[in-house]
């Protein structure tokens, strides 16, 4: 068994509506509460970071699966959306929707289209972030394969 350790430094100099910073090996950014939740909206926020973690994990997993299967692609892009419910002051991350767009090489067979769809679905359940939030945040897939 291999255990990988990741580290993050955070600095929050003030109160609720101040701006802090986070820093990892590959990321340094400001963070604050989003304006939708009556914050200053500077930098990113936890809601976007969870969405980003889920989206990047999914698209990397999908790309790796496509590579291992030998499925050639012209492009792989994606948009993702996070839905957060705020009811009576309780904030609940409800749903993440991934909308990958897989463009296969011209002349791709029906078998290749079917494989792309199966891999898109399998990547969602194989992603470590999806597995980590399972049971708390619903993750949906709306794949577009052409």
Protein backbone atom coordinates (compact mmCIF):
# COMPACT_ATOMS: atom_id res chain seq x y z
CA UNK A 1 0.00 0.00 0.00
CA UNK A 2 1.26 3.46 -0.89
CA UNK A 3 0.08 6.51 1.04
CA UNK A 4 0.51 9.89 -0.64
CA UNK A 5 0.53 13.00 1.50
CA UNK A 6 -0.63 16.38 0.22
CA UNK A 7 -0.20 19.63 2.13
CA UNK A 8 -1.95 22.98 2.17
CA UNK A 9 -1.12 26.15 4.09
CA UNK A 10 -3.94 28.56 4.89
CA UNK A 11 -3.91 32.08 6.32
CA UNK A 12 -7.08 33.85 7.39
CA UNK A 13 -6.16 37.26 8.86
CA UNK A 14 -9.58 38.52 9.83
CA UNK A 15 -13.25 37.78 10.28
CA UNK A 16 -15.92 36.16 8.11
CA UNK A 17 -15.84 38.62 5.22
CA UNK A 18 -12.10 39.05 5.00
CA UNK A 19 -9.86 37.49 2.38
CA UNK A 20 -7.42 34.71 3.12
CA UNK A 21 -4.88 32.76 1.12
CA UNK A 22 -4.18 29.11 0.50
CA UNK A 23 -1.00 27.62 -0.88
CA UNK A 24 -0.11 24.15 -2.07
CA UNK A 25 2.84 22.89 -4.07
CA UNK A 26 1.13 23.89 -7.33
CA UNK A 27 -1.40 26.53 -6.33
CA UNK A 28 -1.42 29.83 -4.49
CA UNK A 29 -4.60 31.88 -4.45
CA UNK A 30 -6.82 34.16 -2.44
CA UNK A 31 -10.00 32.76 -0.92
CA UNK A 32 -13.14 34.31 0.46
CA UNK A 33 -16.84 33.70 0.76
CA UNK A 34 -18.66 34.06 -2.59
CA UNK A 35 -20.98 37.02 -3.15
CA UNK A 36 -23.93 34.60 -3.45
CA UNK A 37 -23.41 33.94 0.26
CA UNK A 38 -22.91 37.61 1.17
CA UNK A 39 -19.12 37.47 1.02
CA UNK A 40 -16.59 39.67 -0.79
CA UNK A 41 -16.10 37.24 -3.70
CA UNK A 42 -12.32 37.70 -3.89
CA UNK A 43 -10.32 34.82 -5.34
CA UNK A 44 -11.90 31.40 -5.19
CA UNK A 45 -14.02 29.75 -2.52
CA UNK A 46 -14.57 26.28 -1.06
CA UNK A 47 -17.53 25.62 -3.36
CA UNK A 48 -15.46 26.26 -6.49
CA UNK A 49 -12.54 24.29 -5.08
CA UNK A 50 -14.69 21.20 -4.44
CA UNK A 51 -16.10 21.55 -7.95
CA UNK A 52 -12.57 21.94 -9.33
CA UNK A 53 -11.30 18.89 -7.44
CA UNK A 54 -14.20 16.79 -8.70
CA UNK A 55 -13.93 18.04 -12.29
CA UNK A 56 -10.17 17.66 -12.64
CA UNK A 57 -10.22 14.21 -11.03
CA UNK A 58 -12.98 13.12 -13.42
CA UNK A 59 -11.40 14.46 -16.63
CA UNK A 60 -7.94 13.07 -15.77
CA UNK A 61 -9.49 9.68 -14.94
CA UNK A 62 -11.43 9.70 -18.21
CA UNK A 63 -8.36 10.67 -20.26
CA UNK A 64 -6.33 7.87 -18.64
CA UNK A 65 -9.07 5.32 -19.34
CA UNK A 66 -9.33 6.44 -22.96
CA UNK A 67 -5.55 6.18 -23.35
CA UNK A 68 -5.42 2.67 -21.82
CA UNK A 69 -8.26 1.50 -24.06
CA UNK A 70 -6.56 2.87 -27.19
CA UNK A 71 -9.54 5.10 -27.97
CA UNK A 72 -8.29 7.98 -30.13
CA UNK A 73 -9.88 11.38 -29.58
CA UNK A 74 -9.78 14.68 -31.36
CA UNK A 75 -10.57 16.59 -28.17
CA UNK A 76 -11.79 16.19 -24.60
CA UNK A 77 -13.27 19.23 -22.89
CA UNK A 78 -15.72 19.67 -20.07
CA UNK A 79 -17.91 22.07 -18.18
CA UNK A 80 -19.05 21.27 -14.65
CA UNK A 81 -21.65 22.85 -12.41
CA UNK A 82 -22.02 22.72 -8.63
CA UNK A 83 -25.42 23.21 -6.99
CA UNK A 84 -25.38 24.47 -3.41
CA UNK A 85 -28.55 24.83 -1.34
CA UNK A 86 -28.77 27.51 1.32
CA UNK A 87 -31.88 27.00 3.44
CA UNK A 88 -32.38 28.66 6.82
CA UNK A 89 -28.67 29.42 7.07
CA UNK A 90 -27.66 25.79 6.43
CA UNK A 91 -25.35 25.44 3.43
CA UNK A 92 -25.46 22.04 1.68
CA UNK A 93 -23.50 21.06 -1.43
CA UNK A 94 -26.20 19.09 -3.25
CA UNK A 95 -25.06 18.13 -6.75
CA UNK A 96 -22.14 18.26 -9.13
CA UNK A 97 -22.89 17.85 -12.83
CA UNK A 98 -20.06 17.01 -15.23
CA UNK A 99 -20.67 17.70 -18.91
CA UNK A 100 -17.75 16.19 -20.81
CA UNK A 101 -17.57 16.67 -24.56
CA UNK A 102 -15.64 13.91 -26.28
CA UNK A 103 -14.88 14.45 -29.96
CA UNK A 104 -13.63 11.26 -31.55
CA UNK A 105 -11.50 11.08 -34.68
CA UNK A 106 -13.41 11.41 -37.98
CA UNK A 107 -14.80 8.07 -39.09
CA UNK A 108 -14.98 6.65 -35.57
CA UNK A 109 -17.02 3.45 -35.51
CA UNK A 110 -20.21 2.82 -33.56
CA UNK A 111 -18.12 0.53 -31.32
CA UNK A 112 -15.77 3.45 -30.54
CA UNK A 113 -18.73 5.73 -29.76
CA UNK A 114 -20.15 3.07 -27.45
CA UNK A 115 -16.75 2.61 -25.77
CA UNK A 116 -16.43 6.38 -25.24
CA UNK A 117 -19.84 6.46 -23.52
CA UNK A 118 -18.98 3.48 -21.29
CA UNK A 119 -15.65 5.04 -20.32
CA UNK A 120 -17.31 8.40 -19.57
CA UNK A 121 -19.69 6.62 -17.19
CA UNK A 122 -17.00 4.42 -15.63
CA UNK A 123 -14.66 7.40 -15.03
CA UNK A 124 -17.31 9.06 -12.86
CA UNK A 125 -17.49 6.11 -10.48
CA UNK A 126 -13.71 5.50 -10.60
CA UNK A 127 -12.61 9.02 -9.70
CA UNK A 128 -11.21 9.20 -6.16
CA UNK A 129 -12.96 12.53 -5.41
CA UNK A 130 -16.34 11.13 -6.51
CA UNK A 131 -15.76 8.16 -4.22
CA UNK A 132 -14.75 10.49 -1.37
CA UNK A 133 -17.95 12.55 -1.53
CA UNK A 134 -20.29 9.63 -2.34
CA UNK A 135 -23.32 9.64 -0.08
CA UNK A 136 -23.00 13.37 0.57
CA UNK A 137 -22.96 15.06 -2.84
CA UNK A 138 -24.74 13.61 -5.88
CA UNK A 139 -22.53 13.50 -8.98
CA UNK A 140 -24.34 13.46 -12.34
CA UNK A 141 -22.98 12.97 -15.84
CA UNK A 142 -24.25 14.55 -19.04
CA UNK A 143 -21.79 13.31 -21.68
CA UNK A 144 -21.75 14.58 -25.27
CA UNK A 145 -19.92 12.24 -27.63
CA UNK A 146 -19.45 13.11 -31.29
